[in-house]
Amino acid sequence: TGFGAEGIVTGELVFTTQYTGYEEALTDP
């Protein structure tokens, strides 16, 4: 199920094991 903006993005798929701090992770350059 899609959310956010419609469109296409590409990139390495990487995983993070943290269960809090999603704001910090998503905005980390």
mmCIF file of all heavy atoms, coordinates in Angstrom:
data_MODEL
# 
_entry.id   MODEL 
# 
loop_
_atom_site.group_PDB 
_atom_site.id 
_atom_site.type_symbol 
_atom_site.label_atom_id 
_atom_site.label_alt_id 
_atom_site.label_comp_id 
_atom_site.label_asym_id 
_atom_site.label_entity_id 
_atom_site.label_seq_id 
_atom_site.pdbx_PDB_ins_code 
_atom_site.Cartn_x 
_atom_site.Cartn_y 
_atom_site.Cartn_z 
_atom_site.occupancy 
_atom_site.B_iso_or_equiv 
_atom_site.pdbx_formal_charge 
_atom_site.auth_seq_id 
_atom_site.auth_comp_id 
_atom_site.auth_asym_id 
_atom_site.auth_atom_id 
_atom_site.pdbx_PDB_model_num 
ATOM 1   N N   . THR A 1 1  ? 0.845  -1.188 0.000   1.00 0.00 ? 1  THR A N   1 
ATOM 2   C CA  . THR A 1 1  ? 0.000  0.000  0.000   1.00 0.00 ? 1  THR A CA  1 
ATOM 3   C C   . THR A 1 1  ? 0.882  1.240  0.000   1.00 0.00 ? 1  THR A C   1 
ATOM 4   O O   . THR A 1 1  ? 1.754  1.398  0.864   1.00 0.00 ? 1  THR A O   1 
ATOM 5   C CB  . THR A 1 1  ? -0.925 0.019  1.224   1.00 0.00 ? 1  THR A CB  1 
ATOM 6   O OG1 . THR A 1 1  ? -1.731 -1.160 1.218   1.00 0.00 ? 1  THR A OG1 1 
ATOM 7   C CG2 . THR A 1 1  ? -1.814 1.250  1.210   1.00 0.00 ? 1  THR A CG2 1 
ATOM 8   N N   . GLY A 1 2  ? 0.638  2.112  -0.954  1.00 0.00 ? 2  GLY A N   1 
ATOM 9   C CA  . GLY A 1 2  ? 1.446  3.311  -1.056  1.00 0.00 ? 2  GLY A CA  1 
ATOM 10  C C   . GLY A 1 2  ? 0.955  4.427  -0.155  1.00 0.00 ? 2  GLY A C   1 
ATOM 11  O O   . GLY A 1 2  ? -0.231 4.534  0.151   1.00 0.00 ? 2  GLY A O   1 
ATOM 12  N N   . PHE A 1 3  ? 1.890  5.263  0.291   1.00 0.00 ? 3  PHE A N   1 
ATOM 13  C CA  . PHE A 1 3  ? 1.556  6.473  1.046   1.00 0.00 ? 3  PHE A CA  1 
ATOM 14  C C   . PHE A 1 3  ? 2.576  7.546  0.717   1.00 0.00 ? 3  PHE A C   1 
ATOM 15  O O   . PHE A 1 3  ? 3.574  7.285  0.039   1.00 0.00 ? 3  PHE A O   1 
ATOM 16  C CB  . PHE A 1 3  ? 1.492  6.198  2.550   1.00 0.00 ? 3  PHE A CB  1 
ATOM 17  C CG  . PHE A 1 3  ? 2.790  5.720  3.156   1.00 0.00 ? 3  PHE A CG  1 
ATOM 18  C CD1 . PHE A 1 3  ? 3.725  6.622  3.646   1.00 0.00 ? 3  PHE A CD1 1 
ATOM 19  C CD2 . PHE A 1 3  ? 3.075  4.365  3.254   1.00 0.00 ? 3  PHE A CD2 1 
ATOM 20  C CE1 . PHE A 1 3  ? 4.913  6.190  4.210   1.00 0.00 ? 3  PHE A CE1 1 
ATOM 21  C CE2 . PHE A 1 3  ? 4.263  3.919  3.819   1.00 0.00 ? 3  PHE A CE2 1 
ATOM 22  C CZ  . PHE A 1 3  ? 5.184  4.836  4.295   1.00 0.00 ? 3  PHE A CZ  1 
ATOM 23  N N   . GLY A 1 4  ? 2.341  8.739  1.199   1.00 0.00 ? 4  GLY A N   1 
ATOM 24  C CA  . GLY A 1 4  ? 3.228  9.837  0.852   1.00 0.00 ? 4  GLY A CA  1 
ATOM 25  C C   . GLY A 1 4  ? 2.932  10.338 -0.547  1.00 0.00 ? 4  GLY A C   1 
ATOM 26  O O   . GLY A 1 4  ? 1.777  10.374 -0.978  1.00 0.00 ? 4  GLY A O   1 
ATOM 27  N N   . ALA A 1 5  ? 3.980  10.679 -1.277  1.00 0.00 ? 5  ALA A N   1 
ATOM 28  C CA  . ALA A 1 5  ? 3.805  11.250 -2.607  1.00 0.00 ? 5  ALA A CA  1 
ATOM 29  C C   . ALA A 1 5  ? 3.751  10.164 -3.672  1.00 0.00 ? 5  ALA A C   1 
ATOM 30  O O   . ALA A 1 5  ? 4.398  9.122  -3.562  1.00 0.00 ? 5  ALA A O   1 
ATOM 31  C CB  . ALA A 1 5  ? 4.949  12.210 -2.902  1.00 0.00 ? 5  ALA A CB  1 
ATOM 32  N N   . GLU A 1 6  ? 2.976  10.405 -4.702  1.00 0.00 ? 6  GLU A N   1 
ATOM 33  C CA  . GLU A 1 6  ? 2.949  9.504  -5.850  1.00 0.00 ? 6  GLU A CA  1 
ATOM 34  C C   . GLU A 1 6  ? 4.178  9.756  -6.703  1.00 0.00 ? 6  GLU A C   1 
ATOM 35  O O   . GLU A 1 6  ? 4.637  10.888 -6.841  1.00 0.00 ? 6  GLU A O   1 
ATOM 36  C CB  . GLU A 1 6  ? 1.679  9.752  -6.663  1.00 0.00 ? 6  GLU A CB  1 
ATOM 37  C CG  . GLU A 1 6  ? 1.445  8.748  -7.775  1.00 0.00 ? 6  GLU A CG  1 
ATOM 38  C CD  . GLU A 1 6  ? 0.096  8.908  -8.441  1.00 0.00 ? 6  GLU A CD  1 
ATOM 39  O OE1 . GLU A 1 6  ? -0.794 9.519  -7.810  1.00 0.00 ? 6  GLU A OE1 1 
ATOM 40  O OE2 . GLU A 1 6  ? -0.074 8.420  -9.577  1.00 0.00 ? 6  GLU A OE2 1 
ATOM 41  N N   . GLY A 1 7  ? 4.740  8.675  -7.262  1.00 0.00 ? 7  GLY A N   1 
ATOM 42  C CA  . GLY A 1 7  ? 5.909  8.842  -8.110  1.00 0.00 ? 7  GLY A CA  1 
ATOM 43  C C   . GLY A 1 7  ? 6.867  7.682  -8.015  1.00 0.00 ? 7  GLY A C   1 
ATOM 44  O O   . GLY A 1 7  ? 6.544  6.618  -7.471  1.00 0.00 ? 7  GLY A O   1 
ATOM 45  N N   . ILE A 1 8  ? 8.070  7.887  -8.541  1.00 0.00 ? 8  ILE A N   1 
ATOM 46  C CA  . ILE A 1 8  ? 9.088  6.838  -8.624  1.00 0.00 ? 8  ILE A CA  1 
ATOM 47  C C   . ILE A 1 8  ? 10.386 7.334  -8.004  1.00 0.00 ? 8  ILE A C   1 
ATOM 48  O O   . ILE A 1 8  ? 10.827 8.449  -8.283  1.00 0.00 ? 8  ILE A O   1 
ATOM 49  C CB  . ILE A 1 8  ? 9.347  6.449  -10.094 1.00 0.00 ? 8  ILE A CB  1 
ATOM 50  C CG1 . ILE A 1 8  ? 8.052  5.961  -10.764 1.00 0.00 ? 8  ILE A CG1 1 
ATOM 51  C CG2 . ILE A 1 8  ? 10.428 5.370  -10.173 1.00 0.00 ? 8  ILE A CG2 1 
ATOM 52  C CD1 . ILE A 1 8  ? 8.202  5.753  -12.268 1.00 0.00 ? 8  ILE A CD1 1 
ATOM 53  N N   . VAL A 1 9  ? 10.996 6.492  -7.160  1.00 0.00 ? 9  VAL A N   1 
ATOM 54  C CA  . VAL A 1 9  ? 12.330 6.787  -6.639  1.00 0.00 ? 9  VAL A CA  1 
ATOM 55  C C   . VAL A 1 9  ? 13.191 5.525  -6.745  1.00 0.00 ? 9  VAL A C   1 
ATOM 56  O O   . VAL A 1 9  ? 12.675 4.406  -6.778  1.00 0.00 ? 9  VAL A O   1 
ATOM 57  C CB  . VAL A 1 9  ? 12.303 7.263  -5.165  1.00 0.00 ? 9  VAL A CB  1 
ATOM 58  C CG1 . VAL A 1 9  ? 11.621 8.608  -5.039  1.00 0.00 ? 9  VAL A CG1 1 
ATOM 59  C CG2 . VAL A 1 9  ? 11.641 6.236  -4.261  1.00 0.00 ? 9  VAL A CG2 1 
ATOM 60  N N   . THR A 1 10 ? 14.493 5.733  -6.817  1.00 0.00 ? 10 THR A N   1 
ATOM 61  C CA  . THR A 1 10 ? 15.434 4.619  -6.840  1.00 0.00 ? 10 THR A CA  1 
ATOM 62  C C   . THR A 1 10 ? 16.508 4.844  -5.785  1.00 0.00 ? 10 THR A C   1 
ATOM 63  O O   . THR A 1 10 ? 16.754 5.971  -5.362  1.00 0.00 ? 10 THR A O   1 
ATOM 64  C CB  . THR A 1 10 ? 16.102 4.491  -8.225  1.00 0.00 ? 10 THR A CB  1 
ATOM 65  O OG1 . THR A 1 10 ? 16.756 5.731  -8.546  1.00 0.00 ? 10 THR A OG1 1 
ATOM 66  C CG2 . THR A 1 10 ? 15.076 4.156  -9.298  1.00 0.00 ? 10 THR A CG2 1 
ATOM 67  N N   . GLY A 1 11 ? 17.149 3.768  -5.377  1.00 0.00 ? 11 GLY A N   1 
ATOM 68  C CA  . GLY A 1 11 ? 18.221 3.867  -4.388  1.00 0.00 ? 11 GLY A CA  1 
ATOM 69  C C   . GLY A 1 11 ? 18.551 2.509  -3.817  1.00 0.00 ? 11 GLY A C   1 
ATOM 70  O O   . GLY A 1 11 ? 17.825 1.531  -4.040  1.00 0.00 ? 11 GLY A O   1 
ATOM 71  N N   . GLU A 1 12 ? 19.635 2.433  -3.090  1.00 0.00 ? 12 GLU A N   1 
ATOM 72  C CA  . GLU A 1 12 ? 19.945 1.214  -2.347  1.00 0.00 ? 12 GLU A CA  1 
ATOM 73  C C   . GLU A 1 12 ? 18.852 0.969  -1.311  1.00 0.00 ? 12 GLU A C   1 
ATOM 74  O O   . GLU A 1 12 ? 18.448 1.900  -0.614  1.00 0.00 ? 12 GLU A O   1 
ATOM 75  C CB  . GLU A 1 12 ? 21.275 1.359  -1.602  1.00 0.00 ? 12 GLU A CB  1 
ATOM 76  C CG  . GLU A 1 12 ? 22.510 1.175  -2.428  1.00 0.00 ? 12 GLU A CG  1 
ATOM 77  C CD  . GLU A 1 12 ? 23.744 1.087  -1.547  1.00 0.00 ? 12 GLU A CD  1 
ATOM 78  O OE1 . GLU A 1 12 ? 23.759 1.653  -0.446  1.00 0.00 ? 12 GLU A OE1 1 
ATOM 79  O OE2 . GLU A 1 12 ? 24.716 0.448  -1.969  1.00 0.00 ? 12 GLU A OE2 1 
ATOM 80  N N   . LEU A 1 13 ? 18.394 -0.272 -1.192  1.00 0.00 ? 13 LEU A N   1 
ATOM 81  C CA  . LEU A 1 13 ? 17.478 -0.619 -0.114  1.00 0.00 ? 13 LEU A CA  1 
ATOM 82  C C   . LEU A 1 13 ? 18.316 -1.002 1.103   1.00 0.00 ? 13 LEU A C   1 
ATOM 83  O O   . LEU A 1 13 ? 19.065 -1.978 1.063   1.00 0.00 ? 13 LEU A O   1 
ATOM 84  C CB  . LEU A 1 13 ? 16.567 -1.773 -0.508  1.00 0.00 ? 13 LEU A CB  1 
ATOM 85  C CG  . LEU A 1 13 ? 15.600 -2.242 0.582   1.00 0.00 ? 13 LEU A CG  1 
ATOM 86  C CD1 . LEU A 1 13 ? 14.558 -1.171 0.895   1.00 0.00 ? 13 LEU A CD1 1 
ATOM 87  C CD2 . LEU A 1 13 ? 14.912 -3.550 0.191   1.00 0.00 ? 13 LEU A CD2 1 
ATOM 88  N N   . VAL A 1 14 ? 18.218 -0.206 2.175   1.00 0.00 ? 14 VAL A N   1 
ATOM 89  C CA  . VAL A 1 14 ? 18.996 -0.478 3.385   1.00 0.00 ? 14 VAL A CA  1 
ATOM 90  C C   . VAL A 1 14 ? 18.058 -0.590 4.578   1.00 0.00 ? 14 VAL A C   1 
ATOM 91  O O   . VAL A 1 14 ? 17.000 0.033  4.600   1.00 0.00 ? 14 VAL A O   1 
ATOM 92  C CB  . VAL A 1 14 ? 20.044 0.622  3.646   1.00 0.00 ? 14 VAL A CB  1 
ATOM 93  C CG1 . VAL A 1 14 ? 21.070 0.671  2.520   1.00 0.00 ? 14 VAL A CG1 1 
ATOM 94  C CG2 . VAL A 1 14 ? 19.382 1.982  3.816   1.00 0.00 ? 14 VAL A CG2 1 
ATOM 95  N N   . PHE A 1 15 ? 18.446 -1.394 5.539   1.00 0.00 ? 15 PHE A N   1 
ATOM 96  C CA  . PHE A 1 15 ? 17.599 -1.572 6.719   1.00 0.00 ? 15 PHE A CA  1 
ATOM 97  C C   . PHE A 1 15 ? 18.265 -1.012 7.968   1.00 0.00 ? 15 PHE A C   1 
ATOM 98  O O   . PHE A 1 15 ? 19.487 -1.023 8.100   1.00 0.00 ? 15 PHE A O   1 
ATOM 99  C CB  . PHE A 1 15 ? 17.233 -3.048 6.922   1.00 0.00 ? 15 PHE A CB  1 
ATOM 100 C CG  . PHE A 1 15 ? 18.392 -3.940 7.308   1.00 0.00 ? 15 PHE A CG  1 
ATOM 101 C CD1 . PHE A 1 15 ? 18.779 -4.094 8.635   1.00 0.00 ? 15 PHE A CD1 1 
ATOM 102 C CD2 . PHE A 1 15 ? 19.086 -4.655 6.335   1.00 0.00 ? 15 PHE A CD2 1 
ATOM 103 C CE1 . PHE A 1 15 ? 19.835 -4.928 8.987   1.00 0.00 ? 15 PHE A CE1 1 
ATOM 104 C CE2 . PHE A 1 15 ? 20.150 -5.485 6.674   1.00 0.00 ? 15 PHE A CE2 1 
ATOM 105 C CZ  . PHE A 1 15 ? 20.518 -5.617 8.006   1.00 0.00 ? 15 PHE A CZ  1 
ATOM 106 N N   . THR A 1 16 ? 17.439 -0.495 8.868   1.00 0.00 ? 16 THR A N   1 
ATOM 107 C CA  . THR A 1 16 ? 17.908 -0.028 10.170  1.00 0.00 ? 16 THR A CA  1 
ATOM 108 C C   . THR A 1 16 ? 17.141 -0.770 11.255  1.00 0.00 ? 16 THR A C   1 
ATOM 109 O O   . THR A 1 16 ? 15.940 -1.015 11.120  1.00 0.00 ? 16 THR A O   1 
ATOM 110 C CB  . THR A 1 16 ? 17.740 1.487  10.329  1.00 0.00 ? 16 THR A CB  1 
ATOM 111 O OG1 . THR A 1 16 ? 18.178 1.885  11.630  1.00 0.00 ? 16 THR A OG1 1 
ATOM 112 C CG2 . THR A 1 16 ? 16.305 1.932  10.135  1.00 0.00 ? 16 THR A CG2 1 
ATOM 113 N N   . THR A 1 17 ? 17.831 -1.111 12.329  1.00 0.00 ? 17 THR A N   1 
ATOM 114 C CA  . THR A 1 17 ? 17.235 -1.919 13.391  1.00 0.00 ? 17 THR A CA  1 
ATOM 115 C C   . THR A 1 17 ? 16.639 -1.095 14.520  1.00 0.00 ? 17 THR A C   1 
ATOM 116 O O   . THR A 1 17 ? 16.116 -1.664 15.481  1.00 0.00 ? 17 THR A O   1 
ATOM 117 C CB  . THR A 1 17 ? 18.291 -2.872 13.985  1.00 0.00 ? 17 THR A CB  1 
ATOM 118 O OG1 . THR A 1 17 ? 19.413 -2.103 14.445  1.00 0.00 ? 17 THR A OG1 1 
ATOM 119 C CG2 . THR A 1 17 ? 18.764 -3.871 12.944  1.00 0.00 ? 17 THR A CG2 1 
ATOM 120 N N   . GLN A 1 18 ? 16.697 0.220  14.433  1.00 0.00 ? 18 GLN A N   1 
ATOM 121 C CA  . GLN A 1 18 ? 16.148 1.040  15.502  1.00 0.00 ? 18 GLN A CA  1 
ATOM 122 C C   . GLN A 1 18 ? 14.619 0.981  15.498  1.00 0.00 ? 18 GLN A C   1 
ATOM 123 O O   . GLN A 1 18 ? 13.993 0.806  14.460  1.00 0.00 ? 18 GLN A O   1 
ATOM 124 C CB  . GLN A 1 18 ? 16.605 2.491  15.342  1.00 0.00 ? 18 GLN A CB  1 
ATOM 125 C CG  . GLN A 1 18 ? 16.064 3.159  14.084  1.00 0.00 ? 18 GLN A CG  1 
ATOM 126 C CD  . GLN A 1 18 ? 16.849 4.390  13.707  1.00 0.00 ? 18 GLN A CD  1 
ATOM 127 O OE1 . GLN A 1 18 ? 17.997 4.292  13.303  1.00 0.00 ? 18 GLN A OE1 1 
ATOM 128 N NE2 . GLN A 1 18 ? 16.228 5.536  13.820  1.00 0.00 ? 18 GLN A NE2 1 
ATOM 129 N N   . TYR A 1 19 ? 14.010 1.116  16.671  1.00 0.00 ? 19 TYR A N   1 
ATOM 130 C CA  . TYR A 1 19 ? 12.544 1.094  16.737  1.00 0.00 ? 19 TYR A CA  1 
ATOM 131 C C   . TYR A 1 19 ? 11.978 2.432  17.188  1.00 0.00 ? 19 TYR A C   1 
ATOM 132 O O   . TYR A 1 19 ? 10.763 2.619  17.231  1.00 0.00 ? 19 TYR A O   1 
ATOM 133 C CB  . TYR A 1 19 ? 12.047 -0.032 17.645  1.00 0.00 ? 19 TYR A CB  1 
ATOM 134 C CG  . TYR A 1 19 ? 12.596 -0.042 19.049  1.00 0.00 ? 19 TYR A CG  1 
ATOM 135 C CD1 . TYR A 1 19 ? 11.946 0.631  20.067  1.00 0.00 ? 19 TYR A CD1 1 
ATOM 136 C CD2 . TYR A 1 19 ? 13.760 -0.742 19.348  1.00 0.00 ? 19 TYR A CD2 1 
ATOM 137 C CE1 . TYR A 1 19 ? 12.451 0.627  21.359  1.00 0.00 ? 19 TYR A CE1 1 
ATOM 138 C CE2 . TYR A 1 19 ? 14.268 -0.752 20.638  1.00 0.00 ? 19 TYR A CE2 1 
ATOM 139 C CZ  . TYR A 1 19 ? 13.608 -0.072 21.637  1.00 0.00 ? 19 TYR A CZ  1 
ATOM 140 O OH  . TYR A 1 19 ? 14.114 -0.080 22.917  1.00 0.00 ? 19 TYR A OH  1 
ATOM 141 N N   . THR A 1 20 ? 12.832 3.383  17.523  1.00 0.00 ? 20 THR A N   1 
ATOM 142 C CA  . THR A 1 20 ? 12.436 4.785  17.689  1.00 0.00 ? 20 THR A CA  1 
ATOM 143 C C   . THR A 1 20 ? 13.417 5.616  16.873  1.00 0.00 ? 20 THR A C   1 
ATOM 144 O O   . THR A 1 20 ? 14.413 5.106  16.367  1.00 0.00 ? 20 THR A O   1 
ATOM 145 C CB  . THR A 1 20 ? 12.490 5.232  19.166  1.00 0.00 ? 20 THR A CB  1 
ATOM 146 O OG1 . THR A 1 20 ? 13.845 5.107  19.641  1.00 0.00 ? 20 THR A OG1 1 
ATOM 147 C CG2 . THR A 1 20 ? 11.558 4.398  20.036  1.00 0.00 ? 20 THR A CG2 1 
ATOM 148 N N   . GLY A 1 21 ? 13.128 6.914  16.771  1.00 0.00 ? 21 GLY A N   1 
ATOM 149 C CA  . GLY A 1 21 ? 14.047 7.777  16.045  1.00 0.00 ? 21 GLY A CA  1 
ATOM 150 C C   . GLY A 1 21 ? 13.831 7.775  14.551  1.00 0.00 ? 21 GLY A C   1 
ATOM 151 O O   . GLY A 1 21 ? 14.767 8.051  13.795  1.00 0.00 ? 21 GLY A O   1 
ATOM 152 N N   . TYR A 1 22 ? 12.612 7.477  14.110  1.00 0.00 ? 22 TYR A N   1 
ATOM 153 C CA  . TYR A 1 22 ? 12.377 7.476  12.660  1.00 0.00 ? 22 TYR A CA  1 
ATOM 154 C C   . TYR A 1 22 ? 12.443 8.883  12.073  1.00 0.00 ? 22 TYR A C   1 
ATOM 155 O O   . TYR A 1 22 ? 12.822 9.061  10.917  1.00 0.00 ? 22 TYR A O   1 
ATOM 156 C CB  . TYR A 1 22 ? 11.046 6.806  12.306  1.00 0.00 ? 22 TYR A CB  1 
ATOM 157 C CG  . TYR A 1 22 ? 9.844  7.243  13.129  1.00 0.00 ? 22 TYR A CG  1 
ATOM 158 C CD1 . TYR A 1 22 ? 9.171  8.423  12.857  1.00 0.00 ? 22 TYR A CD1 1 
ATOM 159 C CD2 . TYR A 1 22 ? 9.388  6.443  14.166  1.00 0.00 ? 22 TYR A CD2 1 
ATOM 160 C CE1 . TYR A 1 22 ? 8.077  8.812  13.610  1.00 0.00 ? 22 TYR A CE1 1 
ATOM 161 C CE2 . TYR A 1 22 ? 8.289  6.809  14.924  1.00 0.00 ? 22 TYR A CE2 1 
ATOM 162 C CZ  . TYR A 1 22 ? 7.628  8.000  14.641  1.00 0.00 ? 22 TYR A CZ  1 
ATOM 163 O OH  . TYR A 1 22 ? 6.541  8.380  15.387  1.00 0.00 ? 22 TYR A OH  1 
ATOM 164 N N   . GLU A 1 23 ? 12.111 9.911  12.870  1.00 0.00 ? 23 GLU A N   1 
ATOM 165 C CA  . GLU A 1 23 ? 12.260 11.286 12.380  1.00 0.00 ? 23 GLU A CA  1 
ATOM 166 C C   . GLU A 1 23 ? 13.726 11.601 12.094  1.00 0.00 ? 23 GLU A C   1 
ATOM 167 O O   . GLU A 1 23 ? 14.075 12.164 11.053  1.00 0.00 ? 23 GLU A O   1 
ATOM 168 C CB  . GLU A 1 23 ? 11.735 12.280 13.412  1.00 0.00 ? 23 GLU A CB  1 
ATOM 169 C CG  . GLU A 1 23 ? 10.245 12.366 13.540  1.00 0.00 ? 23 GLU A CG  1 
ATOM 170 C CD  . GLU A 1 23 ? 9.838  13.471 14.493  1.00 0.00 ? 23 GLU A CD  1 
ATOM 171 O OE1 . GLU A 1 23 ? 9.817  14.634 14.069  1.00 0.00 ? 23 GLU A OE1 1 
ATOM 172 O OE2 . GLU A 1 23 ? 9.554  13.164 15.675  1.00 0.00 ? 23 GLU A OE2 1 
ATOM 173 N N   . GLU A 1 24 ? 14.600 11.262 13.053  1.00 0.00 ? 24 GLU A N   1 
ATOM 174 C CA  . GLU A 1 24 ? 16.023 11.536 12.903  1.00 0.00 ? 24 GLU A CA  1 
ATOM 175 C C   . GLU A 1 24 ? 16.612 10.768 11.723  1.00 0.00 ? 24 GLU A C   1 
ATOM 176 O O   . GLU A 1 24 ? 17.412 11.306 10.953  1.00 0.00 ? 24 GLU A O   1 
ATOM 177 C CB  . GLU A 1 24 ? 16.776 11.163 14.180  1.00 0.00 ? 24 GLU A CB  1 
ATOM 178 C CG  . GLU A 1 24 ? 16.414 11.999 15.389  1.00 0.00 ? 24 GLU A CG  1 
ATOM 179 C CD  . GLU A 1 24 ? 15.346 11.353 16.258  1.00 0.00 ? 24 GLU A CD  1 
ATOM 180 O OE1 . GLU A 1 24 ? 14.420 10.725 15.692  1.00 0.00 ? 24 GLU A OE1 1 
ATOM 181 O OE2 . GLU A 1 24 ? 15.417 11.478 17.492  1.00 0.00 ? 24 GLU A OE2 1 
ATOM 182 N N   . ALA A 1 25 ? 16.214 9.496  11.586  1.00 0.00 ? 25 ALA A N   1 
ATOM 183 C CA  . ALA A 1 25 ? 16.771 8.681  10.510  1.00 0.00 ? 25 ALA A CA  1 
ATOM 184 C C   . ALA A 1 25 ? 16.349 9.187  9.141   1.00 0.00 ? 25 ALA A C   1 
ATOM 185 O O   . ALA A 1 25 ? 17.182 9.346  8.233   1.00 0.00 ? 25 ALA A O   1 
ATOM 186 C CB  . ALA A 1 25 ? 16.336 7.230  10.693  1.00 0.00 ? 25 ALA A CB  1 
ATOM 187 N N   . LEU A 1 26 ? 15.078 9.461  8.972   1.00 0.00 ? 26 LEU A N   1 
ATOM 188 C CA  . LEU A 1 26 ? 14.582 9.905  7.671   1.00 0.00 ? 26 LEU A CA  1 
ATOM 189 C C   . LEU A 1 26 ? 15.188 11.238 7.237   1.00 0.00 ? 26 LEU A C   1 
ATOM 190 O O   . LEU A 1 26 ? 15.352 11.486 6.042   1.00 0.00 ? 26 LEU A O   1 
ATOM 191 C CB  . LEU A 1 26 ? 13.057 10.015 7.701   1.00 0.00 ? 26 LEU A CB  1 
ATOM 192 C CG  . LEU A 1 26 ? 12.293 8.691  7.665   1.00 0.00 ? 26 LEU A CG  1 
ATOM 193 C CD1 . LEU A 1 26 ? 10.828 8.906  8.047   1.00 0.00 ? 26 LEU A CD1 1 
ATOM 194 C CD2 . LEU A 1 26 ? 12.393 8.049  6.287   1.00 0.00 ? 26 LEU A CD2 1 
ATOM 195 N N   . THR A 1 27 ? 15.522 12.087 8.187   1.00 0.00 ? 27 THR A N   1 
ATOM 196 C CA  . THR A 1 27 ? 16.075 13.407 7.857   1.00 0.00 ? 27 THR A CA  1 
ATOM 197 C C   . THR A 1 27 ? 17.600 13.444 7.919   1.00 0.00 ? 27 THR A C   1 
ATOM 198 O O   . THR A 1 27 ? 18.203 14.500 7.737   1.00 0.00 ? 27 THR A O   1 
ATOM 199 C CB  . THR A 1 27 ? 15.506 14.483 8.806   1.00 0.00 ? 27 THR A CB  1 
ATOM 200 O OG1 . THR A 1 27 ? 15.805 14.130 10.171  1.00 0.00 ? 27 THR A OG1 1 
ATOM 201 C CG2 . THR A 1 27 ? 13.997 14.599 8.646   1.00 0.00 ? 27 THR A CG2 1 
ATOM 202 N N   . ASP A 1 28 ? 18.240 12.317 8.155   1.00 0.00 ? 28 ASP A N   1 
ATOM 203 C CA  . ASP A 1 28 ? 19.699 12.223 8.177   1.00 0.00 ? 28 ASP A CA  1 
ATOM 204 C C   . ASP A 1 28 ? 20.218 12.255 6.739   1.00 0.00 ? 28 ASP A C   1 
ATOM 205 O O   . ASP A 1 28 ? 19.887 11.373 5.938   1.00 0.00 ? 28 ASP A O   1 
ATOM 206 C CB  . ASP A 1 28 ? 20.113 10.917 8.864   1.00 0.00 ? 28 ASP A CB  1 
ATOM 207 C CG  . ASP A 1 28 ? 21.617 10.748 8.970   1.00 0.00 ? 28 ASP A CG  1 
ATOM 208 O OD1 . ASP A 1 28 ? 22.367 11.497 8.318   1.00 0.00 ? 28 ASP A OD1 1 
ATOM 209 O OD2 . ASP A 1 28 ? 22.043 9.832  9.704   1.00 0.00 ? 28 ASP A OD2 1 
ATOM 210 N N   . PRO A 1 29 ? 21.037 13.247 6.374   1.00 0.00 ? 29 PRO A N   1 
ATOM 211 C CA  . PRO A 1 29 ? 21.544 13.324 5.000   1.00 0.00 ? 29 PRO A CA  1 
ATOM 212 C C   . PRO A 1 29 ? 22.374 12.119 4.571   1.00 0.00 ? 29 PRO A C   1 
ATOM 213 O O   . PRO A 1 29 ? 22.591 11.922 3.374   1.00 0.00 ? 29 PRO A O   1 
ATOM 214 C CB  . PRO A 1 29 ? 22.395 14.599 5.016   1.00 0.00 ? 29 PRO A CB  1 
ATOM 215 C CG  . PRO A 1 29 ? 21.812 15.432 6.106   1.00 0.00 ? 29 PRO A CG  1 
ATOM 216 C CD  . PRO A 1 29 ? 21.414 14.450 7.163   1.00 0.00 ? 29 PRO A CD  1 
# 
